[in-house]
Amino acid sequence: MARAFDYVQALGKIPIVVNDSRGFYTSRTFGTFVMEGAAMLGEGIPATVIENAGLQVGMPVGPLAVLDETALSLSVHVLDQTRADYAADGKTYTATPGELLVERMVKELKRPGRAGGGGFYDYPAGQKKHLWPELKKHFEKPGAAWDMATLKDRLLYRQAVETARCLSEGVLTTVHDANIGSIFGIGFPAWTGGAMQFIYGTGVDAFIARADALAQQFGPGFALTDAVKATIRQHQPAY
């Protein structure tokens, strides 16, 4: 492990050490960002609004653009494998709304992502990419209610909640690794100080209250168990 750590530093990268788990830390948490964006689209929110919300909170690009670059088809492969793994253990995996939307994009609408010719975006030769016009027909709902502050909270809180879960489960072992990995591995906004520092900067009680409210409105992805809440408090820096 020490040799691997040194090698990563020699490459000019910043290493963190995490324990083995599905998605490890950064991929698992980053997946929540892009799938929350996809879920918003499924709720009828305009794609342009979703992408702007991602940029306004300080993410490098919007969630739909990232999904296109990493390939929607890859996300579907991961979903299929997850279902198979759960089935092998005698369980049933319940896909999230975002995952189901991406699956529909690939399997029904034949939009696998940038490498496959287009996904949420079109990529005309020699021109700037633009959002696929058909998104309006398939997903947007003129009467859908939304406000930018809530969308921005969803994108940040969803990642912070998942980070706290990783710390509680022992995938992460330090707040330092959580913060460093979120900024340099995921692109979590640097102004926050990192995903865990976002929690502490917000205030633990205020963060928990807002996460609970988001969970009631937008589902279990935002839910904090008592164990996760205890972990957040246990690792709170002593200022």
Protein backbone atom coordinates (compact mmCIF):
# COMPACT_ATOMS: atom_id res chain seq x y z
CA MET A 1 0.00 0.00 0.00
CA ALA A 2 2.87 2.36 0.81
CA ARG A 3 4.44 1.72 -2.60
CA ALA A 4 1.11 2.37 -4.32
CA PHE A 5 0.68 5.57 -2.31
CA ASP A 6 4.15 6.78 -3.34
CA TYR A 7 3.51 5.83 -6.97
CA VAL A 8 0.31 7.89 -7.10
CA GLN A 9 2.19 10.86 -5.67
CA ALA A 10 4.94 10.37 -8.26
CA LEU A 11 2.26 10.70 -10.94
CA GLY A 12 1.42 14.12 -9.54
CA LYS A 13 -1.89 12.92 -8.12
CA ILE A 14 -3.23 13.14 -4.57
CA PRO A 15 -3.89 9.67 -3.12
CA ILE A 16 -6.41 8.70 -0.48
CA VAL A 17 -6.88 5.26 1.07
CA VAL A 18 -10.34 3.72 1.22
CA ASN A 19 -11.66 0.28 2.04
CA ASP A 20 -13.05 -2.10 -0.56
CA SER A 21 -16.71 -1.52 -1.36
CA ARG A 22 -19.02 -1.27 -4.35
CA GLY A 23 -18.01 1.95 -6.07
CA PHE A 24 -15.39 2.61 -3.36
CA TYR A 25 -15.86 6.27 -2.38
CA THR A 26 -15.49 8.68 -5.27
CA SER A 27 -17.35 6.66 -7.92
CA ARG A 28 -20.13 5.81 -5.48
CA THR A 29 -20.60 9.42 -4.42
CA PHE A 30 -20.17 10.91 -7.87
CA GLY A 31 -22.88 8.56 -9.10
CA THR A 32 -25.33 10.20 -6.74
CA PHE A 33 -24.64 13.60 -8.32
CA VAL A 34 -25.34 12.51 -11.87
CA MET A 35 -28.33 10.35 -10.97
CA GLU A 36 -29.90 13.16 -8.96
CA GLY A 37 -29.65 15.29 -12.10
CA ALA A 38 -31.27 12.54 -14.13
CA ALA A 39 -34.03 12.23 -11.53
CA MET A 40 -34.73 15.95 -11.85
CA LEU A 41 -35.16 15.53 -15.60
CA GLY A 42 -37.60 12.72 -14.92
CA GLU A 43 -39.61 15.09 -12.74
CA GLY A 44 -40.11 17.32 -15.76
CA ILE A 45 -37.54 20.00 -14.87
CA PRO A 46 -35.91 21.54 -17.98
CA ALA A 47 -32.46 20.14 -18.77
CA THR A 48 -31.00 23.63 -19.07
CA VAL A 49 -32.11 24.45 -15.54
CA ILE A 50 -30.55 21.24 -14.19
CA GLU A 51 -27.22 21.90 -15.89
CA ASN A 52 -27.18 25.49 -14.67
CA ALA A 53 -27.88 24.33 -11.11
CA GLY A 54 -24.80 22.12 -11.25
CA LEU A 55 -22.64 24.96 -12.50
CA GLN A 56 -24.03 27.44 -9.99
CA VAL A 57 -23.11 25.28 -7.00
CA GLY A 58 -19.57 25.03 -8.33
CA MET A 59 -19.41 21.63 -10.01
CA PRO A 60 -17.11 21.63 -13.09
CA VAL A 61 -19.97 20.64 -15.42
CA GLY A 62 -23.64 19.79 -15.14
CA PRO A 63 -24.77 16.25 -14.22
CA LEU A 64 -26.27 15.46 -17.63
CA ALA A 65 -23.08 16.51 -19.43
CA VAL A 66 -21.02 14.25 -17.17
CA LEU A 67 -23.32 11.31 -17.82
CA ASP A 68 -22.84 11.82 -21.55
CA GLU A 69 -19.05 11.88 -21.24
CA THR A 70 -18.83 8.77 -19.04
CA ALA A 71 -21.48 7.04 -21.19
CA LEU A 72 -25.06 6.39 -20.29
CA SER A 73 -24.54 2.84 -21.52
CA LEU A 74 -21.88 2.32 -18.83
CA SER A 75 -24.35 3.39 -16.15
CA VAL A 76 -26.84 0.86 -17.51
CA HIS A 77 -24.17 -1.89 -17.46
CA VAL A 78 -23.52 -1.04 -13.80
CA LEU A 79 -27.25 -1.14 -13.08
CA ASP A 80 -27.63 -4.53 -14.78
CA GLN A 81 -24.67 -5.94 -12.82
CA THR A 82 -26.02 -4.55 -9.56
CA ARG A 83 -29.36 -6.22 -10.18
CA ALA A 84 -27.60 -9.49 -10.96
CA ASP A 85 -25.45 -9.30 -7.83
CA TYR A 86 -28.47 -8.60 -5.64
CA ALA A 87 -30.35 -11.48 -7.25
CA ALA A 88 -27.41 -13.80 -6.57
CA ASP A 89 -27.76 -12.91 -2.89
CA GLY A 90 -31.49 -13.53 -2.96
CA LYS A 91 -32.33 -9.83 -2.90
CA THR A 92 -34.03 -7.40 -5.27
CA TYR A 93 -32.37 -4.13 -6.19
CA THR A 94 -34.70 -1.15 -6.42
CA ALA A 95 -33.38 1.20 -9.06
CA THR A 96 -33.48 4.93 -8.35
CA PRO A 97 -35.57 7.28 -10.51
CA GLY A 98 -32.37 8.59 -12.09
CA GLU A 99 -31.16 5.11 -12.96
CA LEU A 100 -34.51 4.24 -14.53
CA LEU A 101 -34.41 7.39 -16.65
CA VAL A 102 -30.90 6.64 -17.89
CA GLU A 103 -31.98 3.09 -18.67
CA ARG A 104 -34.86 4.45 -20.73
CA MET A 105 -32.50 6.80 -22.57
CA VAL A 106 -30.30 3.88 -23.61
CA LYS A 107 -32.72 1.02 -24.15
CA GLU A 108 -35.81 2.84 -25.43
CA LEU A 109 -34.53 6.08 -26.95
CA LYS A 110 -31.19 4.64 -28.17
CA ARG A 111 -29.11 7.49 -26.70
CA PRO A 112 -25.99 5.80 -25.21
CA GLY A 113 -23.85 8.89 -24.65
CA ARG A 114 -21.24 10.93 -26.47
CA ALA A 115 -19.11 7.97 -27.61
CA GLY A 116 -22.21 6.34 -29.08
CA GLY A 117 -23.26 9.38 -31.07
CA GLY A 118 -25.23 11.30 -28.49
CA GLY A 119 -27.10 11.14 -25.21
CA PHE A 120 -28.55 14.10 -23.38
CA TYR A 121 -26.51 16.19 -25.80
CA ASP A 122 -26.01 16.22 -29.56
CA TYR A 123 -22.46 16.59 -30.91
CA PRO A 124 -22.60 18.00 -34.45
CA ALA A 125 -19.27 17.81 -36.30
CA GLY A 126 -17.29 21.01 -36.05
CA GLN A 127 -19.90 22.69 -33.87
CA LYS A 128 -20.52 23.23 -30.20
CA LYS A 129 -22.49 20.50 -28.45
CA HIS A 130 -26.06 21.29 -27.46
CA LEU A 131 -28.81 19.60 -25.48
CA TRP A 132 -30.79 17.05 -27.47
CA PRO A 133 -33.98 18.88 -28.54
CA GLU A 134 -36.10 15.75 -28.02
CA LEU A 135 -35.58 15.98 -24.25
CA LYS A 136 -38.36 18.54 -24.17
CA LYS A 137 -40.83 16.13 -25.80
CA HIS A 138 -39.89 13.08 -23.77
CA PHE A 139 -39.30 14.51 -20.30
CA GLU A 140 -40.04 18.18 -19.70
CA LYS A 141 -43.35 19.09 -18.09
CA PRO A 142 -44.44 22.73 -18.48
CA GLY A 143 -46.27 22.63 -15.15
CA ALA A 144 -43.41 21.13 -13.14
CA ALA A 145 -42.72 23.14 -9.99
CA TRP A 146 -39.11 23.85 -9.06
CA ASP A 147 -36.90 26.48 -7.53
CA MET A 148 -33.18 26.88 -8.10
CA ALA A 149 -32.22 26.94 -4.41
CA THR A 150 -33.77 23.50 -3.86
CA LEU A 151 -32.15 22.05 -6.99
CA LYS A 152 -28.75 23.30 -5.86
CA ASP A 153 -29.28 21.84 -2.39
CA ARG A 154 -30.24 18.48 -3.87
CA LEU A 155 -27.02 18.27 -5.87
CA LEU A 156 -24.81 19.17 -2.92
CA TYR A 157 -26.67 17.41 -0.12
CA ARG A 158 -27.02 14.16 -2.04
CA GLN A 159 -23.24 13.89 -2.36
CA ALA A 160 -22.60 14.97 1.22
CA VAL A 161 -25.08 12.43 2.56
CA GLU A 162 -23.41 9.65 0.58
CA THR A 163 -20.01 10.75 1.84
CA ALA A 164 -21.23 10.60 5.44
CA ARG A 165 -22.59 7.11 4.76
CA CYS A 166 -19.19 6.04 3.43
CA LEU A 167 -17.56 7.34 6.61
CA SER A 168 -20.14 5.59 8.78
CA GLU A 169 -19.68 2.29 6.92
CA GLY A 170 -15.90 2.38 7.15
CA VAL A 171 -15.35 2.84 3.41
CA LEU A 172 -13.72 6.12 4.43
CA THR A 173 -11.73 6.26 7.63
CA THR A 174 -11.02 9.99 7.96
CA VAL A 175 -12.74 13.29 7.29
CA HIS A 176 -9.52 14.41 5.58
CA ASP A 177 -9.76 11.67 2.95
CA ALA A 178 -13.43 12.50 2.43
CA ASN A 179 -12.72 16.16 1.80
CA ILE A 180 -9.64 15.66 -0.36
CA GLY A 181 -11.24 12.90 -2.41
CA SER A 182 -14.41 14.88 -2.99
CA ILE A 183 -12.62 17.98 -4.28
CA PHE A 184 -9.84 16.39 -6.33
CA GLY A 185 -11.58 13.15 -7.31
CA ILE A 186 -15.16 14.27 -7.87
CA GLY A 187 -14.96 18.00 -8.46
CA PHE A 188 -17.04 18.80 -5.38
CA PRO A 189 -17.00 22.60 -5.06
CA ALA A 190 -13.75 23.75 -3.46
CA TRP A 191 -15.53 26.66 -1.73
CA THR A 192 -17.14 24.13 0.60
CA GLY A 193 -13.84 22.70 1.82
CA GLY A 194 -15.00 19.24 0.77
CA ALA A 195 -18.08 17.08 1.20
CA MET A 196 -17.74 16.53 4.96
CA GLN A 197 -16.61 20.09 5.58
CA PHE A 198 -19.76 21.21 3.75
CA ILE A 199 -21.71 19.49 6.52
CA TYR A 200 -19.67 21.08 9.29
CA GLY A 201 -19.66 24.48 7.61
CA THR A 202 -23.44 24.35 7.31
CA GLY A 203 -23.74 23.29 10.94
CA VAL A 204 -24.52 19.71 11.91
CA ASP A 205 -28.02 20.40 13.23
CA ALA A 206 -28.91 22.59 10.24
CA PHE A 207 -27.53 20.02 7.79
CA ILE A 208 -29.45 17.16 9.39
CA ALA A 209 -32.67 19.17 9.41
CA ARG A 210 -32.33 20.08 5.74
CA ALA A 211 -31.38 16.52 4.74
CA ASP A 212 -34.42 15.18 6.61
CA ALA A 213 -36.65 17.67 4.79
CA LEU A 214 -35.17 16.71 1.42
CA ALA A 215 -35.64 13.02 2.24
CA GLN A 216 -39.33 13.56 2.91
CA GLN A 217 -39.77 15.37 -0.39
CA PHE A 218 -37.32 13.60 -2.70
CA GLY A 219 -36.75 10.14 -1.30
CA PRO A 220 -34.41 7.94 0.73
CA GLY A 221 -31.27 9.10 -1.06
CA PHE A 222 -31.20 11.99 1.42
CA ALA A 223 -32.13 9.97 4.51
CA LEU A 224 -29.69 9.93 7.42
CA THR A 225 -29.87 6.95 9.75
CA ASP A 226 -29.11 7.38 13.44
CA ALA A 227 -25.76 5.67 12.84
CA VAL A 228 -24.80 8.14 10.12
CA LYS A 229 -25.88 11.09 12.25
CA ALA A 230 -23.77 9.74 15.11
CA THR A 231 -20.78 9.40 12.78
CA ILE A 232 -21.15 12.99 11.61
CA ARG A 233 -21.16 14.22 15.21
CA GLN A 234 -18.32 11.92 16.26
CA HIS A 235 -15.98 13.29 13.57
CA GLN A 236 -16.96 16.93 13.98
CA PRO A 237 -13.80 19.09 14.17
CA ALA A 238 -13.15 20.85 17.44
CA TYR A 239 -12.79 24.48 16.38
